[in-house]
Amino acid sequence: MGFTPKPKVYALRWPEGSYWHGFEVDMRSISISELRHLTELADAASSAPADSTDEGMAVLDDLHQLIVDKLVSWNLEIPEGHPVDPTVENLAAQDLELTMTIVMGWVEALVEVDDPLAQGSNDGGPSVELSIPMASLSEPPAS
């Protein structure tokens, strides 16, 4: 019987005092190749506002699509208090800073190392073998 890992969901939350405090985004895990692609898109997107070419806009479209494909939920609302559906179009209608905030929080969560396991055992104590009495071997008979 093999092991099949359960899909992991990362709860992105921002600390009190942060501009983004209260914004909640839940994202699915991604593979290493998807993570590489995400970081390439994010790097390219950071210069995309100055690059209004079709290629620059395509980078943003790809980045938004990747985010929405892995987005489980968010609590984004318009100023009137109505929820914003998590679609590529709605994400693209937001400020680029929101997109980059999601990307940076997601990447941070993906590469974060879990806390070490609890220290539930002692150092093991002395080995049982060390407490077994041992006698010297007798000399072999002389020939």
N, C-alpha and C. Protein backbone atom coordinates (compact mmCIF):
# COMPACT_ATOMS: atom_id res chain seq x y z
N MET A 1 0.85 -1.17 0.00
CA MET A 1 0.00 0.00 0.00
C MET A 1 0.90 1.24 0.00
N GLY A 2 0.62 2.17 -0.88
CA GLY A 2 1.42 3.39 -1.01
C GLY A 2 0.84 4.54 -0.21
N PHE A 3 1.55 5.61 -0.25
CA PHE A 3 1.14 6.83 0.45
C PHE A 3 0.70 7.86 -0.57
N THR A 4 -0.48 8.41 -0.38
CA THR A 4 -0.98 9.48 -1.22
C THR A 4 -1.17 10.71 -0.33
N PRO A 5 -0.34 11.75 -0.54
CA PRO A 5 -0.50 12.94 0.31
C PRO A 5 -1.83 13.63 0.07
N LYS A 6 -2.39 14.15 1.15
CA LYS A 6 -3.64 14.90 1.04
C LYS A 6 -3.32 16.29 0.51
N PRO A 7 -4.20 16.82 -0.32
CA PRO A 7 -3.97 18.18 -0.82
C PRO A 7 -3.89 19.15 0.36
N LYS A 8 -2.94 20.04 0.31
CA LYS A 8 -2.74 20.99 1.39
C LYS A 8 -3.31 22.35 0.99
N VAL A 9 -3.92 23.03 1.93
CA VAL A 9 -4.46 24.37 1.71
C VAL A 9 -3.73 25.31 2.66
N TYR A 10 -3.24 26.41 2.11
CA TYR A 10 -2.51 27.41 2.89
C TYR A 10 -3.43 28.59 3.18
N ALA A 11 -3.58 28.90 4.46
CA ALA A 11 -4.40 30.04 4.90
C ALA A 11 -3.49 31.26 4.98
N LEU A 12 -3.64 32.17 4.03
CA LEU A 12 -2.83 33.38 4.01
C LEU A 12 -3.52 34.44 4.85
N ARG A 13 -2.81 34.90 5.87
CA ARG A 13 -3.32 35.94 6.76
C ARG A 13 -2.21 36.95 6.98
N TRP A 14 -2.58 38.19 7.19
CA TRP A 14 -1.60 39.25 7.38
C TRP A 14 -1.72 39.79 8.79
N PRO A 15 -0.60 40.15 9.39
CA PRO A 15 -0.61 40.55 10.81
C PRO A 15 -1.30 41.88 11.07
N GLU A 16 -1.71 42.04 12.30
CA GLU A 16 -2.30 43.30 12.73
C GLU A 16 -1.30 44.42 12.48
N GLY A 17 -1.79 45.53 12.02
CA GLY A 17 -0.92 46.65 11.69
C GLY A 17 -0.54 46.68 10.22
N SER A 18 -0.70 45.55 9.53
CA SER A 18 -0.42 45.48 8.10
C SER A 18 -1.59 46.10 7.35
N TYR A 19 -1.30 46.72 6.21
CA TYR A 19 -2.37 47.26 5.36
C TYR A 19 -3.37 46.16 5.01
N TRP A 20 -2.88 44.93 4.86
CA TRP A 20 -3.71 43.81 4.41
C TRP A 20 -4.34 43.03 5.56
N HIS A 21 -4.19 43.51 6.80
CA HIS A 21 -4.78 42.81 7.95
C HIS A 21 -6.29 42.68 7.73
N GLY A 22 -6.80 41.47 7.91
CA GLY A 22 -8.22 41.21 7.70
C GLY A 22 -8.51 40.55 6.37
N PHE A 23 -7.59 40.68 5.42
CA PHE A 23 -7.74 40.02 4.12
C PHE A 23 -7.37 38.56 4.32
N GLU A 24 -8.24 37.65 3.88
CA GLU A 24 -8.01 36.22 4.05
C GLU A 24 -8.08 35.54 2.70
N VAL A 25 -7.06 34.74 2.42
CA VAL A 25 -6.99 34.02 1.16
C VAL A 25 -6.55 32.59 1.47
N ASP A 26 -7.26 31.63 0.95
CA ASP A 26 -6.88 30.22 1.10
C ASP A 26 -6.47 29.69 -0.28
N MET A 27 -5.23 29.18 -0.33
CA MET A 27 -4.66 28.72 -1.60
C MET A 27 -4.26 27.25 -1.50
N ARG A 28 -4.45 26.52 -2.61
CA ARG A 28 -3.99 25.13 -2.67
C ARG A 28 -2.47 25.09 -2.87
N SER A 29 -1.92 23.97 -2.54
CA SER A 29 -0.49 23.74 -2.76
C SER A 29 -0.22 23.61 -4.26
N ILE A 30 1.04 23.82 -4.64
CA ILE A 30 1.44 23.65 -6.03
C ILE A 30 2.72 22.84 -6.10
N SER A 31 2.98 22.29 -7.26
CA SER A 31 4.19 21.50 -7.47
C SER A 31 5.41 22.41 -7.58
N ILE A 32 6.58 21.83 -7.56
CA ILE A 32 7.82 22.59 -7.70
C ILE A 32 7.85 23.29 -9.06
N SER A 33 7.43 22.60 -10.11
CA SER A 33 7.44 23.24 -11.44
C SER A 33 6.45 24.39 -11.50
N GLU A 34 5.29 24.25 -10.84
CA GLU A 34 4.33 25.35 -10.79
C GLU A 34 4.87 26.51 -9.96
N LEU A 35 5.60 26.20 -8.89
CA LEU A 35 6.21 27.24 -8.06
C LEU A 35 7.25 28.01 -8.88
N ARG A 36 8.04 27.29 -9.65
CA ARG A 36 9.03 27.94 -10.52
C ARG A 36 8.32 28.87 -11.51
N HIS A 37 7.24 28.37 -12.11
CA HIS A 37 6.48 29.17 -13.08
C HIS A 37 5.86 30.40 -12.39
N LEU A 38 5.33 30.19 -11.19
CA LEU A 38 4.73 31.29 -10.44
C LEU A 38 5.76 32.39 -10.18
N THR A 39 6.95 32.01 -9.73
CA THR A 39 7.96 33.03 -9.42
C THR A 39 8.45 33.73 -10.69
N GLU A 40 8.53 32.99 -11.81
CA GLU A 40 8.90 33.63 -13.08
C GLU A 40 7.84 34.65 -13.50
N LEU A 41 6.56 34.26 -13.37
CA LEU A 41 5.47 35.18 -13.72
C LEU A 41 5.46 36.39 -12.80
N ALA A 42 5.68 36.16 -11.51
CA ALA A 42 5.67 37.27 -10.55
C ALA A 42 6.81 38.25 -10.84
N ASP A 43 7.98 37.71 -11.16
CA ASP A 43 9.11 38.58 -11.51
C ASP A 43 8.78 39.42 -12.75
N ALA A 44 8.22 38.75 -13.76
CA ALA A 44 7.86 39.47 -14.98
C ALA A 44 6.73 40.46 -14.74
N ALA A 45 5.77 40.09 -13.89
CA ALA A 45 4.62 40.96 -13.62
C ALA A 45 5.02 42.22 -12.87
N SER A 46 6.08 42.14 -12.09
CA SER A 46 6.49 43.32 -11.34
C SER A 46 6.94 44.45 -12.27
N SER A 47 7.32 44.11 -13.50
CA SER A 47 7.66 45.15 -14.48
C SER A 47 6.56 45.33 -15.52
N ALA A 48 5.51 44.53 -15.42
CA ALA A 48 4.45 44.56 -16.43
C ALA A 48 3.70 45.89 -16.51
N PRO A 49 3.46 46.60 -15.40
CA PRO A 49 2.73 47.87 -15.55
C PRO A 49 3.44 48.85 -16.49
N ALA A 50 4.76 48.77 -16.51
CA ALA A 50 5.50 49.64 -17.42
C ALA A 50 5.56 49.03 -18.82
N ASP A 51 5.17 47.75 -18.93
CA ASP A 51 5.22 47.03 -20.20
C ASP A 51 3.79 46.75 -20.65
N SER A 52 3.20 47.67 -21.37
CA SER A 52 1.80 47.49 -21.78
C SER A 52 1.69 46.76 -23.11
N THR A 53 2.75 46.04 -23.50
CA THR A 53 2.70 45.26 -24.73
C THR A 53 1.80 44.05 -24.52
N ASP A 54 1.48 43.40 -25.62
CA ASP A 54 0.68 42.18 -25.53
C ASP A 54 1.38 41.14 -24.66
N GLU A 55 2.71 41.08 -24.77
CA GLU A 55 3.47 40.10 -23.98
C GLU A 55 3.38 40.43 -22.49
N GLY A 56 3.51 41.69 -22.14
CA GLY A 56 3.41 42.11 -20.74
C GLY A 56 2.03 41.83 -20.17
N MET A 57 1.01 42.07 -20.94
CA MET A 57 -0.36 41.81 -20.48
C MET A 57 -0.62 40.31 -20.39
N ALA A 58 -0.02 39.53 -21.28
CA ALA A 58 -0.17 38.07 -21.25
C ALA A 58 0.43 37.50 -19.97
N VAL A 59 1.53 38.08 -19.51
CA VAL A 59 2.15 37.64 -18.25
C VAL A 59 1.17 37.83 -17.10
N LEU A 60 0.56 38.99 -17.04
CA LEU A 60 -0.42 39.25 -15.98
C LEU A 60 -1.61 38.31 -16.08
N ASP A 61 -2.08 38.08 -17.30
CA ASP A 61 -3.20 37.15 -17.48
C ASP A 61 -2.84 35.75 -16.99
N ASP A 62 -1.62 35.29 -17.32
CA ASP A 62 -1.17 33.95 -16.89
C ASP A 62 -1.05 33.89 -15.37
N LEU A 63 -0.54 34.96 -14.77
CA LEU A 63 -0.39 35.01 -13.31
C LEU A 63 -1.77 34.97 -12.65
N HIS A 64 -2.69 35.77 -13.14
CA HIS A 64 -4.05 35.77 -12.57
C HIS A 64 -4.71 34.40 -12.73
N GLN A 65 -4.51 33.76 -13.88
CA GLN A 65 -5.10 32.44 -14.11
C GLN A 65 -4.54 31.42 -13.14
N LEU A 66 -3.24 31.43 -12.92
CA LEU A 66 -2.62 30.49 -11.99
C LEU A 66 -3.15 30.70 -10.57
N ILE A 67 -3.27 31.94 -10.16
CA ILE A 67 -3.80 32.23 -8.82
C ILE A 67 -5.24 31.72 -8.69
N VAL A 68 -6.08 32.07 -9.65
CA VAL A 68 -7.49 31.68 -9.57
C VAL A 68 -7.65 30.16 -9.64
N ASP A 69 -6.80 29.49 -10.42
CA ASP A 69 -6.87 28.02 -10.51
C ASP A 69 -6.60 27.35 -9.16
N LYS A 70 -5.79 27.97 -8.34
CA LYS A 70 -5.41 27.39 -7.05
C LYS A 70 -6.11 28.04 -5.87
N LEU A 71 -6.92 29.05 -6.12
CA LEU A 71 -7.62 29.77 -5.07
C LEU A 71 -8.80 28.96 -4.55
N VAL A 72 -8.81 28.71 -3.25
CA VAL A 72 -9.92 28.00 -2.61
C VAL A 72 -11.00 29.00 -2.22
N SER A 73 -10.57 30.09 -1.55
CA SER A 73 -11.53 31.11 -1.13
C SER A 73 -10.78 32.38 -0.75
N TRP A 74 -11.53 33.49 -0.74
CA TRP A 74 -11.02 34.76 -0.22
C TRP A 74 -12.19 35.55 0.31
N ASN A 75 -11.89 36.58 1.07
CA ASN A 75 -12.97 37.39 1.65
C ASN A 75 -12.98 38.81 1.04
N LEU A 76 -12.53 38.94 -0.19
CA LEU A 76 -12.48 40.24 -0.84
C LEU A 76 -13.90 40.75 -1.12
N GLU A 77 -14.11 42.03 -0.80
CA GLU A 77 -15.40 42.67 -1.04
C GLU A 77 -15.17 44.00 -1.73
N ILE A 78 -16.20 44.46 -2.43
CA ILE A 78 -16.16 45.81 -2.98
C ILE A 78 -16.55 46.77 -1.86
N PRO A 79 -16.28 48.07 -2.01
CA PRO A 79 -16.57 49.02 -0.93
C PRO A 79 -17.99 48.96 -0.38
N GLU A 80 -18.96 48.58 -1.19
CA GLU A 80 -20.35 48.51 -0.71
C GLU A 80 -20.60 47.27 0.15
N GLY A 81 -19.60 46.41 0.31
CA GLY A 81 -19.74 45.24 1.17
C GLY A 81 -20.15 43.96 0.45
N HIS A 82 -20.23 43.99 -0.86
CA HIS A 82 -20.61 42.80 -1.61
C HIS A 82 -19.36 41.97 -1.92
N PRO A 83 -19.44 40.63 -1.78
CA PRO A 83 -18.28 39.79 -2.07
C PRO A 83 -17.88 39.86 -3.54
N VAL A 84 -16.58 39.73 -3.77
CA VAL A 84 -16.04 39.70 -5.13
C VAL A 84 -15.76 38.24 -5.47
N ASP A 85 -16.40 37.74 -6.52
CA ASP A 85 -16.15 36.36 -6.93
C ASP A 85 -14.70 36.21 -7.38
N PRO A 86 -14.07 35.08 -7.03
CA PRO A 86 -12.67 34.86 -7.41
C PRO A 86 -12.53 34.39 -8.86
N THR A 87 -12.58 35.34 -9.77
CA THR A 87 -12.41 35.04 -11.20
C THR A 87 -11.20 35.79 -11.71
N VAL A 88 -10.71 35.37 -12.86
CA VAL A 88 -9.57 36.04 -13.49
C VAL A 88 -9.92 37.50 -13.75
N GLU A 89 -11.11 37.74 -14.26
CA GLU A 89 -11.54 39.10 -14.58
C GLU A 89 -11.58 39.98 -13.33
N ASN A 90 -12.13 39.44 -12.24
CA ASN A 90 -12.22 40.23 -11.01
C ASN A 90 -10.86 40.46 -10.37
N LEU A 91 -9.98 39.48 -10.45
CA LEU A 91 -8.63 39.68 -9.93
C LEU A 91 -7.88 40.70 -10.77
N ALA A 92 -8.05 40.63 -12.08
CA ALA A 92 -7.39 41.59 -12.98
C ALA A 92 -7.91 43.01 -12.78
N ALA A 93 -9.12 43.14 -12.24
CA ALA A 93 -9.70 44.47 -12.01
C ALA A 93 -9.16 45.11 -10.73
N GLN A 94 -8.39 44.34 -9.94
CA GLN A 94 -7.85 44.86 -8.69
C GLN A 94 -6.49 45.52 -8.94
N ASP A 95 -6.02 46.21 -7.95
CA ASP A 95 -4.70 46.82 -7.98
C ASP A 95 -3.65 45.71 -8.08
N LEU A 96 -2.57 45.96 -8.82
CA LEU A 96 -1.49 44.98 -8.95
C LEU A 96 -0.92 44.62 -7.59
N GLU A 97 -0.94 45.55 -6.65
CA GLU A 97 -0.40 45.28 -5.32
C GLU A 97 -1.14 44.14 -4.64
N LEU A 98 -2.46 44.03 -4.86
CA LEU A 98 -3.22 42.94 -4.28
C LEU A 98 -2.74 41.61 -4.85
N THR A 99 -2.56 41.55 -6.16
CA THR A 99 -2.07 40.33 -6.80
C THR A 99 -0.71 39.94 -6.23
N MET A 100 0.20 40.91 -6.13
CA MET A 100 1.54 40.62 -5.65
C MET A 100 1.53 40.25 -4.17
N THR A 101 0.61 40.81 -3.40
CA THR A 101 0.48 40.45 -1.99
C THR A 101 0.07 38.99 -1.85
N ILE A 102 -0.88 38.55 -2.67
CA ILE A 102 -1.29 37.16 -2.66
C ILE A 102 -0.10 36.26 -3.04
N VAL A 103 0.59 36.62 -4.11
CA VAL A 103 1.72 35.82 -4.59
C VAL A 103 2.80 35.71 -3.51
N MET A 104 3.17 36.83 -2.91
CA MET A 104 4.25 36.81 -1.91
C MET A 104 3.83 36.01 -0.66
N GLY A 105 2.60 36.18 -0.23
CA GLY A 105 2.12 35.40 0.92
C GLY A 105 2.06 33.92 0.62
N TRP A 106 1.66 33.59 -0.59
CA TRP A 106 1.55 32.19 -1.02
C TRP A 106 2.93 31.54 -1.08
N VAL A 107 3.87 32.22 -1.73
CA VAL A 107 5.23 31.68 -1.85
C VAL A 107 5.84 31.51 -0.46
N GLU A 108 5.64 32.49 0.39
CA GLU A 108 6.16 32.41 1.76
C GLU A 108 5.60 31.19 2.48
N ALA A 109 4.29 30.96 2.34
CA ALA A 109 3.66 29.81 2.98
C ALA A 109 4.17 28.49 2.39
N LEU A 110 4.38 28.46 1.08
CA LEU A 110 4.84 27.23 0.43
C LEU A 110 6.23 26.82 0.86
N VAL A 111 7.10 27.78 1.07
CA VAL A 111 8.50 27.44 1.38
C VAL A 111 8.80 27.46 2.88
N GLU A 112 7.82 27.81 3.68
CA GLU A 112 8.02 27.85 5.13
C GLU A 112 8.25 26.45 5.66
N VAL A 113 9.21 26.31 6.56
CA VAL A 113 9.51 25.03 7.17
C VAL A 113 8.63 24.85 8.39
N ASP A 114 8.00 23.67 8.50
CA ASP A 114 7.15 23.39 9.66
C ASP A 114 7.98 23.41 10.93
N ASP A 115 7.30 23.68 12.05
CA ASP A 115 7.97 23.62 13.35
C ASP A 115 8.48 22.21 13.58
N PRO A 116 9.58 22.07 14.34
CA PRO A 116 10.09 20.73 14.61
C PRO A 116 9.09 19.93 15.43
N LEU A 117 9.21 18.62 15.36
CA LEU A 117 8.33 17.75 16.13
C LEU A 117 8.57 17.98 17.62
N ALA A 118 7.53 17.73 18.40
CA ALA A 118 7.65 17.88 19.85
C ALA A 118 8.71 16.92 20.37
N GLN A 119 9.41 17.36 21.40
CA GLN A 119 10.45 16.53 22.00
C GLN A 119 9.81 15.58 22.99
N GLY A 120 9.28 14.47 22.52
CA GLY A 120 8.54 13.54 23.35
C GLY A 120 9.39 12.44 23.98
N SER A 121 10.67 12.33 23.64
CA SER A 121 11.47 11.27 24.24
C SER A 121 12.73 11.85 24.84
N ASN A 122 13.30 11.09 25.79
CA ASN A 122 14.55 11.54 26.39
C ASN A 122 15.71 11.14 25.50
N ASP A 123 16.89 11.20 26.04
CA ASP A 123 18.06 10.88 25.23
C ASP A 123 18.24 9.39 25.04
N GLY A 124 17.33 8.59 25.57
CA GLY A 124 17.40 7.15 25.38
C GLY A 124 18.06 6.43 26.55
N GLY A 125 18.82 7.10 27.35
CA GLY A 125 19.48 6.46 28.48
C GLY A 125 20.56 5.49 28.02
N PRO A 126 21.21 4.84 28.99
CA PRO A 126 22.27 3.92 28.61
C PRO A 126 21.72 2.69 27.89
N SER A 127 22.51 2.14 27.05
CA SER A 127 22.15 0.96 26.29
C SER A 127 22.07 -0.24 27.21
N VAL A 128 21.09 -1.10 26.97
CA VAL A 128 20.93 -2.32 27.77
C VAL A 128 22.18 -3.18 27.64
N GLU A 129 22.76 -3.21 26.46
CA GLU A 129 23.94 -4.04 26.25
C GLU A 129 25.08 -3.66 27.19
N LEU A 130 25.16 -2.39 27.56
CA LEU A 130 26.23 -1.96 28.45
C LEU A 130 26.05 -2.51 29.86
N SER A 131 24.85 -2.91 30.24
CA SER A 131 24.61 -3.40 31.60
C SER A 131 24.72 -4.92 31.70
N ILE A 132 24.95 -5.62 30.62
CA ILE A 132 25.11 -7.07 30.66
C ILE A 132 26.52 -7.38 31.15
N PRO A 133 26.64 -8.20 32.25
CA PRO A 133 27.99 -8.51 32.74
C PRO A 133 28.76 -9.32 31.70
N MET A 134 29.99 -8.98 31.57
CA MET A 134 30.85 -9.66 30.59
C MET A 134 32.07 -10.20 31.33
N ALA A 135 32.45 -11.41 31.04
CA ALA A 135 33.65 -11.99 31.63
C ALA A 135 34.73 -12.03 30.56
N SER A 136 35.95 -11.99 30.98
CA SER A 136 37.06 -12.08 30.04
C SER A 136 37.06 -13.47 29.44
N LEU A 137 37.39 -13.55 28.21
CA LEU A 137 37.53 -14.84 27.58
C LEU A 137 38.79 -15.50 28.11
N SER A 138 38.71 -16.78 28.34
CA SER A 138 39.91 -17.49 28.81
C SER A 138 40.88 -17.61 27.66
N GLU A 139 42.15 -17.74 28.01
CA GLU A 139 43.19 -17.90 26.99
C GLU A 139 43.01 -19.23 26.30
N PRO A 140 43.23 -19.28 25.01
CA PRO A 140 43.12 -20.58 24.34
C PRO A 140 44.23 -21.52 24.83
N PRO A 141 43.95 -22.80 24.82
CA PRO A 141 44.96 -23.74 25.28
C PRO A 141 46.22 -23.68 24.40
N ALA A 142 47.38 -23.80 25.04
CA ALA A 142 48.64 -23.77 24.30
C ALA A 142 48.83 -25.07 23.54
N SER A 143 49.36 -25.04 22.39
CA SER A 143 49.53 -26.28 21.65
C SER A 143 50.92 -26.80 21.73
